[in-house]
């Protein structure tokens, strides 16, 4: 994990995935396998879905390693019903975690409290699926089948075994740390939830991400942004972004040149994967509008939040521009999404301010608190804030008739803005 090679103090010690020229990397089976790496590594798999009544459900497995200590496994679940305003939250420490389970590969895992199985499907329209079965408490069980449409390929930024990776340290071959994301940007879910003895049908759309942070989380980034927009219009639309900003310790001129922002995203239009976007924002350069690929998130009119000490955005804007991935529909694809979230005194739909350290295993919390002294918060903008957001999109008519003239597509937005240091 660590390199002892002498280096120039001004040499780059951060190598962002967003600098790769080959943006689309199709996922291979190995990309979705659990690595369960040692050292200080946090690996997670998250499924986000909006059900037909606009209820939001999130299921997440977190595998956390700290040095030689035994890994901690958590399963977390959040369910929010915008009609009843009820929020259900469970976070359990799992026991007897194993991957692969007997007869399966390492894309699957199980513990006493849950199982997640990845397998092929007989239906060519949905070639891959995950089954999620979780007993989270006596009054909450989750059973979901999550399917990937054939025309929405899973992706990472960049092809090959190094695709998806941003590396920390002077050497990419012997990095000090890394961050990697792999996505299913559009999924279909079906199943049921059992809450307090009553069964509720769960059918909807969403996405999945498998991510790894290969170093202490307080050293990876000072800020994160995440956007997940889904719509059933025109056969299925999705717009997602994942963005992080490095600390001052890591940049292209060594320590002190950090504050580098890495943003990756994708657009699904007309039920097809339309484009992959990835862009780097260097702190010493102004971003140009005259570029072929744009992948950006903006916090507008930030206001000091006395509760957390951070500046909360009053509005957020997300932008995507990239090359069409369709051979019979070449050209540029672009989209913009803006959401108003209010201010700390008059928020518009704030689900909650999540104290990140309250949601991670105690042993990691202790280390991060001791080493960093940070107090992280996540602002979550969910369907109860802006359950009908509008994506303004333009591209080849091959995806959607009339797209070349521009369309406004209504859907649901889930957003996280994380402040970590």
Protein backbone atom coordinates (compact mmCIF):
# COMPACT_ATOMS: atom_id res chain seq x y z
CA UNK A 1 0.00 0.00 0.00
CA UNK A 2 2.81 2.41 0.77
CA UNK A 3 5.65 3.50 -1.46
CA UNK A 4 9.15 4.23 -0.14
CA UNK A 5 10.49 5.64 -3.42
CA UNK A 6 12.07 9.12 -3.18
CA UNK A 7 10.03 11.76 -4.98
CA UNK A 8 10.15 15.39 -6.00
CA UNK A 9 8.24 17.45 -3.41
CA UNK A 10 6.41 19.21 -6.24
CA UNK A 11 5.60 16.03 -8.17
CA UNK A 12 1.93 15.04 -8.48
CA UNK A 13 0.67 13.02 -5.53
CA UNK A 14 -2.90 12.67 -6.79
CA UNK A 15 -3.97 10.99 -10.04
CA UNK A 16 -7.70 11.50 -10.72
CA UNK A 17 -9.73 9.02 -12.72
CA UNK A 18 -11.38 11.99 -14.42
CA UNK A 19 -8.20 12.56 -16.45
CA UNK A 20 -8.63 9.29 -18.34
CA UNK A 21 -9.33 9.72 -22.06
CA UNK A 22 -11.43 6.53 -22.26
CA UNK A 23 -14.47 7.47 -20.21
CA UNK A 24 -16.64 4.42 -20.72
CA UNK A 25 -15.34 1.26 -19.14
CA UNK A 26 -17.78 -1.63 -19.22
CA UNK A 27 -17.99 -3.51 -15.95
CA UNK A 28 -16.45 -6.95 -15.77
CA UNK A 29 -17.51 -9.60 -13.29
CA UNK A 30 -14.45 -8.91 -11.13
CA UNK A 31 -15.35 -5.22 -10.78
CA UNK A 32 -18.35 -6.06 -8.61
CA UNK A 33 -16.58 -8.64 -6.45
CA UNK A 34 -16.04 -7.87 -2.77
CA UNK A 35 -12.32 -7.30 -2.18
CA UNK A 36 -12.50 -7.24 1.65
CA UNK A 37 -9.03 -5.67 1.60
CA UNK A 38 -6.97 -5.19 4.73
CA UNK A 39 -5.36 -2.01 5.98
CA UNK A 40 -7.61 1.02 6.39
CA UNK A 41 -10.22 0.30 3.71
CA UNK A 42 -13.95 0.99 3.59
CA UNK A 43 -15.90 -0.92 0.94
CA UNK A 44 -19.59 -0.40 0.37
CA UNK A 45 -22.44 -1.41 -1.90
CA UNK A 46 -25.51 0.85 -1.99
CA UNK A 47 -28.89 0.36 -3.66
CA UNK A 48 -31.10 3.46 -4.04
CA UNK A 49 -34.70 3.15 -5.26
CA UNK A 50 -37.82 5.25 -5.65
CA UNK A 51 -41.00 3.19 -5.38
CA UNK A 52 -44.20 3.83 -7.33
CA UNK A 53 -45.66 5.96 -4.52
CA UNK A 54 -42.34 7.90 -4.44
CA UNK A 55 -41.18 6.24 -1.23
CA UNK A 56 -37.38 6.27 -1.15
CA UNK A 57 -35.55 3.13 0.01
CA UNK A 58 -31.82 2.81 0.48
CA UNK A 59 -30.03 -0.44 1.38
CA UNK A 60 -26.29 -0.43 2.08
CA UNK A 61 -23.61 -2.91 3.13
CA UNK A 62 -20.41 -1.47 4.61
CA UNK A 63 -17.24 -3.54 5.08
CA UNK A 64 -14.76 -1.58 7.22
CA UNK A 65 -11.17 -2.61 7.92
CA UNK A 66 -8.73 -0.93 10.29
CA UNK A 67 -5.21 -2.29 10.21
CA UNK A 68 -4.97 -5.68 11.87
CA UNK A 69 -8.31 -5.40 13.66
CA UNK A 70 -11.15 -7.66 12.61
CA UNK A 71 -13.39 -6.02 9.96
CA UNK A 72 -16.73 -4.56 10.96
CA UNK A 73 -19.76 -5.23 8.74
CA UNK A 74 -22.87 -3.06 8.79
CA UNK A 75 -26.17 -3.22 6.96
CA UNK A 76 -28.09 0.04 6.91
CA UNK A 77 -31.54 0.76 5.53
CA UNK A 78 -33.47 4.01 5.22
CA UNK A 79 -37.11 4.19 4.04
CA UNK A 80 -38.93 7.49 3.64
CA UNK A 81 -42.61 7.78 2.70
CA UNK A 82 -43.39 11.30 1.42
CA UNK A 83 -47.16 10.88 1.98
CA UNK A 84 -47.04 9.81 5.62
CA UNK A 85 -43.73 11.64 6.30
CA UNK A 86 -42.59 8.49 8.11
CA UNK A 87 -38.86 7.72 8.12
CA UNK A 88 -37.68 4.23 9.02
CA UNK A 89 -33.97 3.83 9.79
CA UNK A 90 -32.08 0.71 10.77
CA UNK A 91 -28.34 0.14 11.11
CA UNK A 92 -27.15 -3.24 12.36
CA UNK A 93 -23.77 -4.81 12.96
CA UNK A 94 -23.77 -8.04 10.99
CA UNK A 95 -22.24 -11.29 12.23
CA UNK A 96 -20.60 -14.18 10.37
CA UNK A 97 -20.12 -12.23 7.14
CA UNK A 98 -18.77 -14.30 4.26
CA UNK A 99 -18.02 -13.87 0.58
CA UNK A 100 -18.48 -15.81 -1.55
CA UNK A 101 -21.35 -17.78 -0.04
CA UNK A 102 -21.32 -21.50 -0.91
CA UNK A 103 -21.96 -22.09 -4.61
CA UNK A 104 -21.70 -18.40 -5.56
CA UNK A 105 -18.96 -15.96 -6.60
CA UNK A 106 -17.58 -12.94 -4.73
CA UNK A 107 -20.19 -10.57 -6.14
CA UNK A 108 -22.45 -12.13 -3.55
CA UNK A 109 -22.20 -12.01 0.24
CA UNK A 110 -24.14 -13.13 3.28
CA UNK A 111 -24.27 -12.79 7.03
CA UNK A 112 -26.61 -13.99 9.76
CA UNK A 113 -28.85 -10.95 9.25
CA UNK A 114 -28.84 -10.59 5.44
CA UNK A 115 -27.86 -12.01 2.06
CA UNK A 116 -27.13 -10.26 -1.24
CA UNK A 117 -26.87 -12.54 -4.26
CA UNK A 118 -25.73 -11.50 -7.74
CA UNK A 119 -26.70 -13.78 -10.60
CA UNK A 120 -27.62 -13.96 -14.28
CA UNK A 121 -31.24 -13.84 -15.45
CA UNK A 122 -33.01 -15.87 -18.10
CA UNK A 123 -34.78 -12.74 -19.36
CA UNK A 124 -32.53 -11.14 -22.02
CA UNK A 125 -34.11 -7.74 -21.28
CA UNK A 126 -32.61 -7.89 -17.78
CA UNK A 127 -29.43 -9.99 -17.94
CA UNK A 128 -28.21 -9.44 -14.36
CA UNK A 129 -29.82 -9.06 -10.97
CA UNK A 130 -29.19 -8.81 -7.23
CA UNK A 131 -31.49 -10.33 -4.65
CA UNK A 132 -31.51 -8.59 -1.26
CA UNK A 133 -32.92 -10.39 1.76
CA UNK A 134 -32.50 -8.66 5.13
CA UNK A 135 -33.90 -9.21 8.62
CA UNK A 136 -33.12 -5.83 10.18
CA UNK A 137 -35.27 -6.14 13.30
CA UNK A 138 -38.33 -7.95 14.56
CA UNK A 139 -40.49 -5.29 12.92
CA UNK A 140 -38.61 -4.74 9.62
CA UNK A 141 -37.63 -7.19 6.88
CA UNK A 142 -36.64 -6.34 3.31
CA UNK A 143 -36.93 -8.56 0.22
CA UNK A 144 -35.93 -6.94 -3.08
CA UNK A 145 -34.93 -8.13 -6.55
CA UNK A 146 -32.82 -5.49 -8.33
CA UNK A 147 -32.43 -5.94 -12.09
CA UNK A 148 -30.17 -4.19 -14.61
CA UNK A 149 -31.75 -3.44 -18.01
CA UNK A 150 -29.79 -4.86 -20.97
CA UNK A 151 -29.55 -1.46 -22.68
CA UNK A 152 -28.15 0.22 -19.55
CA UNK A 153 -24.71 -1.26 -19.15
CA UNK A 154 -22.87 -1.02 -15.86
CA UNK A 155 -19.83 1.24 -16.04
CA UNK A 156 -16.69 2.58 -14.48
CA UNK A 157 -14.64 5.50 -15.78
CA UNK A 158 -11.90 3.97 -17.92
CA UNK A 159 -11.53 0.41 -19.15
CA UNK A 160 -9.37 -2.40 -17.79
CA UNK A 161 -8.47 -3.42 -14.24
CA UNK A 162 -7.47 0.14 -13.27
CA UNK A 163 -10.70 1.64 -14.56
CA UNK A 164 -12.59 3.67 -11.96
CA UNK A 165 -9.55 4.33 -9.75
CA UNK A 166 -8.23 7.66 -8.50
CA UNK A 167 -4.84 7.16 -6.85
CA UNK A 168 -3.26 9.03 -3.94
CA UNK A 169 0.52 9.26 -3.62
CA UNK A 170 3.41 9.86 -6.04
CA UNK A 171 3.16 6.43 -7.67
CA UNK A 172 0.04 4.95 -9.25
CA UNK A 173 1.75 1.55 -9.18
CA UNK A 174 2.33 1.72 -5.41
CA UNK A 175 -0.33 4.14 -4.20
CA UNK A 176 -0.74 5.45 -0.66
CA UNK A 177 -4.48 5.14 -1.14
CA UNK A 178 -7.25 5.07 -3.72
CA UNK A 179 -10.93 5.69 -4.42
CA UNK A 180 -12.97 3.66 -6.91
CA UNK A 181 -16.63 3.65 -8.01
CA UNK A 182 -18.58 1.20 -10.20
CA UNK A 183 -22.19 1.90 -11.20
CA UNK A 184 -25.42 0.41 -12.37
CA UNK A 185 -27.00 3.78 -13.26
CA UNK A 186 -30.54 2.52 -13.84
CA UNK A 187 -32.19 -0.44 -12.16
CA UNK A 188 -35.67 -1.91 -11.68
CA UNK A 189 -36.65 -3.22 -8.27
CA UNK A 190 -39.51 -5.43 -7.14
CA UNK A 191 -40.33 -7.21 -3.92
CA UNK A 192 -41.82 -6.28 -0.58
CA UNK A 193 -41.14 -4.76 2.81
CA UNK A 194 -42.55 -6.18 6.01
CA UNK A 195 -42.96 -3.48 8.66
CA UNK A 196 -44.69 -4.11 11.97
CA UNK A 197 -46.21 -7.29 10.57
CA UNK A 198 -47.70 -5.70 7.44
CA UNK A 199 -46.42 -6.41 3.94
CA UNK A 200 -45.92 -3.50 1.53
CA UNK A 201 -45.26 -4.06 -2.17
CA UNK A 202 -41.97 -2.53 -3.29
CA UNK A 203 -41.72 -1.77 -6.99
CA UNK A 204 -39.70 1.03 -8.53
CA UNK A 205 -36.54 2.28 -10.19
CA UNK A 206 -33.13 3.38 -9.01
CA UNK A 207 -29.40 2.69 -9.19
CA UNK A 208 -26.55 0.81 -7.53
CA UNK A 209 -22.98 1.81 -6.73
CA UNK A 210 -20.08 -0.32 -5.45
CA UNK A 211 -17.38 1.91 -3.98
CA UNK A 212 -14.08 1.52 -2.12
CA UNK A 213 -12.04 4.06 -0.17
CA UNK A 214 -8.55 2.65 0.20
CA UNK A 215 -7.36 4.96 2.97
CA UNK A 216 -8.75 6.70 6.06
CA UNK A 217 -11.94 8.56 5.03
CA UNK A 218 -10.80 11.81 6.63
CA UNK A 219 -7.73 11.78 4.33
CA UNK A 220 -9.66 11.09 1.12
CA UNK A 221 -11.85 14.15 0.78
CA UNK A 222 -13.15 17.29 2.45
CA UNK A 223 -16.39 17.37 0.44
CA UNK A 224 -18.64 14.95 -1.43
CA UNK A 225 -21.62 15.55 -3.70
CA UNK A 226 -23.99 12.87 -4.93
CA UNK A 227 -27.02 13.22 -7.21
CA UNK A 228 -29.45 10.49 -8.22
CA UNK A 229 -32.25 11.59 -10.57
CA UNK A 230 -34.67 8.98 -11.91
CA UNK A 231 -37.68 9.32 -14.20
CA UNK A 232 -39.97 6.89 -16.01
CA UNK A 233 -40.51 9.33 -18.87
CA UNK A 234 -39.72 8.16 -22.42
CA UNK A 235 -38.79 4.61 -21.45
CA UNK A 236 -36.51 5.52 -18.56
CA UNK A 237 -34.24 8.45 -17.68
CA UNK A 238 -31.42 8.61 -15.17
CA UNK A 239 -28.87 11.31 -14.29
CA UNK A 240 -26.28 10.55 -11.62
CA UNK A 241 -23.12 12.21 -10.32
CA UNK A 242 -20.51 11.34 -7.72
CA UNK A 243 -18.02 14.08 -6.80
CA UNK A 244 -15.31 14.51 -4.20
CA UNK A 245 -12.75 17.22 -3.39
CA UNK A 246 -9.32 16.30 -2.02
CA UNK A 247 -7.69 17.87 1.00
CA UNK A 248 -4.79 20.30 0.54
CA UNK A 249 -2.43 17.36 1.03
CA UNK A 250 -3.02 15.88 -2.45
CA UNK A 251 -2.79 17.60 -5.83
CA UNK A 252 -0.80 17.80 -9.04
CA UNK A 253 2.08 19.71 -7.41
CA UNK A 254 2.41 17.68 -4.24
CA UNK A 255 1.35 18.64 -0.70
CA UNK A 256 -0.30 22.05 -0.54
CA UNK A 257 -1.68 21.86 -4.08
CA UNK A 258 -4.85 19.99 -3.16
CA UNK A 259 -8.47 20.97 -3.25
CA UNK A 260 -8.83 19.00 -6.49
CA UNK A 261 -12.42 18.15 -7.44
CA UNK A 262 -13.16 14.89 -9.26
CA UNK A 263 -16.62 14.43 -10.74
CA UNK A 264 -17.98 11.39 -12.60
CA UNK A 265 -21.49 10.90 -13.91
CA UNK A 266 -23.79 9.41 -16.50
CA UNK A 267 -27.04 9.98 -18.37
CA UNK A 268 -29.58 7.33 -19.32
CA UNK A 269 -32.07 8.51 -21.93
CA UNK A 270 -34.89 6.57 -23.55
CA UNK A 271 -33.90 3.50 -21.55
CA UNK A 272 -30.35 3.50 -23.00
CA UNK A 273 -27.01 4.46 -21.50
CA UNK A 274 -26.43 7.75 -23.34
CA UNK A 275 -23.11 9.13 -22.09
CA UNK A 276 -20.46 8.97 -19.38
CA UNK A 277 -19.02 12.21 -18.02
CA UNK A 278 -15.88 12.84 -15.96
CA UNK A 279 -14.09 16.10 -15.25
CA UNK A 280 -11.31 17.43 -13.01
CA UNK A 281 -11.43 20.87 -11.42
CA UNK A 282 -7.90 21.96 -10.58
CA UNK A 283 -7.74 24.71 -7.92
CA UNK A 284 -5.36 26.86 -10.00
CA UNK A 285 -7.43 26.73 -13.21
CA UNK A 286 -10.80 28.16 -14.19
CA UNK A 287 -13.07 25.61 -15.84
CA UNK A 288 -13.96 26.42 -19.43
CA UNK A 289 -17.43 26.12 -20.90
CA UNK A 290 -15.89 25.35 -24.30
CA UNK A 291 -14.96 21.74 -23.58
CA UNK A 292 -16.28 18.47 -24.93
CA UNK A 293 -17.02 16.89 -21.56
CA UNK A 294 -18.62 18.61 -18.56
CA UNK A 295 -19.38 16.96 -15.22
CA UNK A 296 -20.01 19.53 -12.49
CA UNK A 297 -21.90 20.21 -9.27
CA UNK A 298 -22.40 23.69 -7.84
CA UNK A 299 -23.52 24.93 -4.42
CA UNK A 300 -25.34 28.25 -4.88
CA UNK A 301 -25.77 31.01 -2.27
CA UNK A 302 -24.18 29.10 0.63
CA UNK A 303 -25.38 30.16 4.07
CA UNK A 304 -23.66 29.50 7.41
CA UNK A 305 -25.43 26.78 9.38
CA UNK A 306 -24.89 27.47 13.12
CA UNK A 307 -25.80 23.88 14.02
CA UNK A 308 -22.97 22.29 12.04
CA UNK A 309 -20.55 25.16 11.40
CA UNK A 310 -20.58 24.49 7.65
CA UNK A 311 -21.99 26.55 4.81
CA UNK A 312 -25.19 24.95 3.55
CA UNK A 313 -26.14 25.55 -0.09
CA UNK A 314 -29.45 27.30 -0.77
CA UNK A 315 -29.60 25.66 -4.19
CA UNK A 316 -27.67 23.08 -6.17
CA UNK A 317 -26.96 22.79 -9.88
CA UNK A 318 -25.68 19.67 -11.67
CA UNK A 319 -24.39 19.69 -15.25
CA UNK A 320 -23.56 16.88 -17.69
CA UNK A 321 -22.13 17.09 -21.22
CA UNK A 322 -20.57 14.19 -23.10
CA UNK A 323 -20.34 12.19 -26.30
CA UNK A 324 -23.20 9.90 -27.22
CA UNK A 325 -22.45 6.21 -26.73
CA UNK A 326 -24.89 5.13 -29.45
CA UNK A 327 -23.30 4.24 -32.78
CA UNK A 328 -26.50 5.11 -34.63
CA UNK A 329 -26.97 8.34 -32.68
CA UNK A 330 -23.64 10.17 -32.61
CA UNK A 331 -23.32 13.69 -31.27
CA UNK A 332 -23.35 15.59 -28.00
CA UNK A 333 -25.62 14.89 -25.02
CA UNK A 334 -26.10 17.52 -22.31
CA UNK A 335 -28.30 18.01 -19.25
CA UNK A 336 -28.78 20.44 -16.37
CA UNK A 337 -30.66 20.01 -13.11
CA UNK A 338 -31.30 22.71 -10.49
CA UNK A 339 -32.91 22.22 -7.09
CA UNK A 340 -33.82 24.82 -4.45
CA UNK A 341 -33.19 23.56 -0.91
CA UNK A 342 -33.78 26.70 1.16
CA UNK A 343 -31.56 27.88 4.01
CA UNK A 344 -30.90 26.60 7.57
CA UNK A 345 -33.81 28.59 9.03
CA UNK A 346 -36.32 27.78 6.28
CA UNK A 347 -35.15 24.52 4.66
CA UNK A 348 -37.11 23.08 1.78
CA UNK A 349 -37.54 19.39 2.43
CA UNK A 350 -34.37 18.58 4.37
CA UNK A 351 -34.65 14.90 5.34
CA UNK A 352 -32.04 15.21 8.07
CA UNK A 353 -28.50 16.26 8.82
CA UNK A 354 -26.64 13.00 9.22
CA UNK A 355 -23.71 12.95 11.62
CA UNK A 356 -21.45 10.61 9.61
CA UNK A 357 -19.53 9.52 12.68
CA UNK A 358 -22.77 8.37 14.28
CA UNK A 359 -23.41 6.06 11.34
CA UNK A 360 -20.04 4.30 11.09
CA UNK A 361 -18.66 1.53 13.31
CA UNK A 362 -17.48 2.62 16.75
CA UNK A 363 -13.90 1.53 16.17
CA UNK A 364 -13.59 3.65 13.00
CA UNK A 365 -15.33 6.55 14.70
CA UNK A 366 -12.75 6.47 17.47
CA UNK A 367 -9.81 6.48 15.03
CA UNK A 368 -11.24 9.25 12.82
CA UNK A 369 -12.13 11.45 15.79
CA UNK A 370 -8.70 11.00 17.31
CA UNK A 371 -6.72 11.52 14.11
CA UNK A 372 -8.75 14.24 12.45
CA UNK A 373 -10.87 15.91 15.08
CA UNK A 374 -13.48 16.39 12.35
CA UNK A 375 -17.25 16.52 12.70
CA UNK A 376 -18.73 15.38 9.40
CA UNK A 377 -22.29 16.05 8.32
CA UNK A 378 -24.27 15.01 5.27
CA UNK A 379 -27.06 17.21 3.99
CA UNK A 380 -29.53 14.92 2.23
CA UNK A 381 -31.90 16.38 -0.31
CA UNK A 382 -34.49 13.72 -0.97
CA UNK A 383 -37.91 13.20 -2.55
CA UNK A 384 -39.77 14.96 0.24
CA UNK A 385 -37.85 18.15 -0.60
CA UNK A 386 -38.13 18.18 -4.37
CA UNK A 387 -39.96 15.06 -5.36
CA UNK A 388 -40.57 16.38 -8.86
CA UNK A 389 -37.29 17.85 -10.08
CA UNK A 390 -36.80 18.78 -13.72
CA UNK A 391 -33.90 17.64 -15.89
CA UNK A 392 -33.33 19.90 -18.89
CA UNK A 393 -31.70 17.70 -21.55
CA UNK A 394 -30.64 17.87 -25.18
CA UNK A 395 -29.15 15.27 -27.52
CA UNK A 396 -29.70 13.12 -30.61
CA UNK A 397 -33.32 12.24 -31.46
CA UNK A 398 -32.21 8.59 -31.58
CA UNK A 399 -32.64 8.49 -27.79
CA UNK A 400 -35.95 10.38 -27.54
CA UNK A 401 -37.94 12.01 -30.36
CA UNK A 402 -37.57 15.78 -30.13
CA UNK A 403 -34.49 15.62 -27.91
CA UNK A 404 -32.43 17.67 -30.36
CA UNK A 405 -34.71 20.65 -29.63
CA UNK A 406 -34.36 20.15 -25.87
CA UNK A 407 -36.78 18.58 -23.37
CA UNK A 408 -37.73 19.10 -19.73
CA UNK A 409 -38.16 15.75 -18.02
CA UNK A 410 -39.82 15.41 -14.62
CA UNK A 411 -38.53 12.92 -12.11
CA UNK A 412 -37.33 12.42 -8.54
CA UNK A 413 -34.02 13.63 -7.16
CA UNK A 414 -32.07 12.25 -4.22
CA UNK A 415 -29.03 14.30 -3.28
CA UNK A 416 -26.30 14.17 -0.67
CA UNK A 417 -23.92 17.02 0.12
CA UNK A 418 -21.26 15.86 2.57
CA UNK A 419 -19.02 18.14 4.62
CA UNK A 420 -16.21 16.18 6.21
CA UNK A 421 -13.41 18.52 7.25
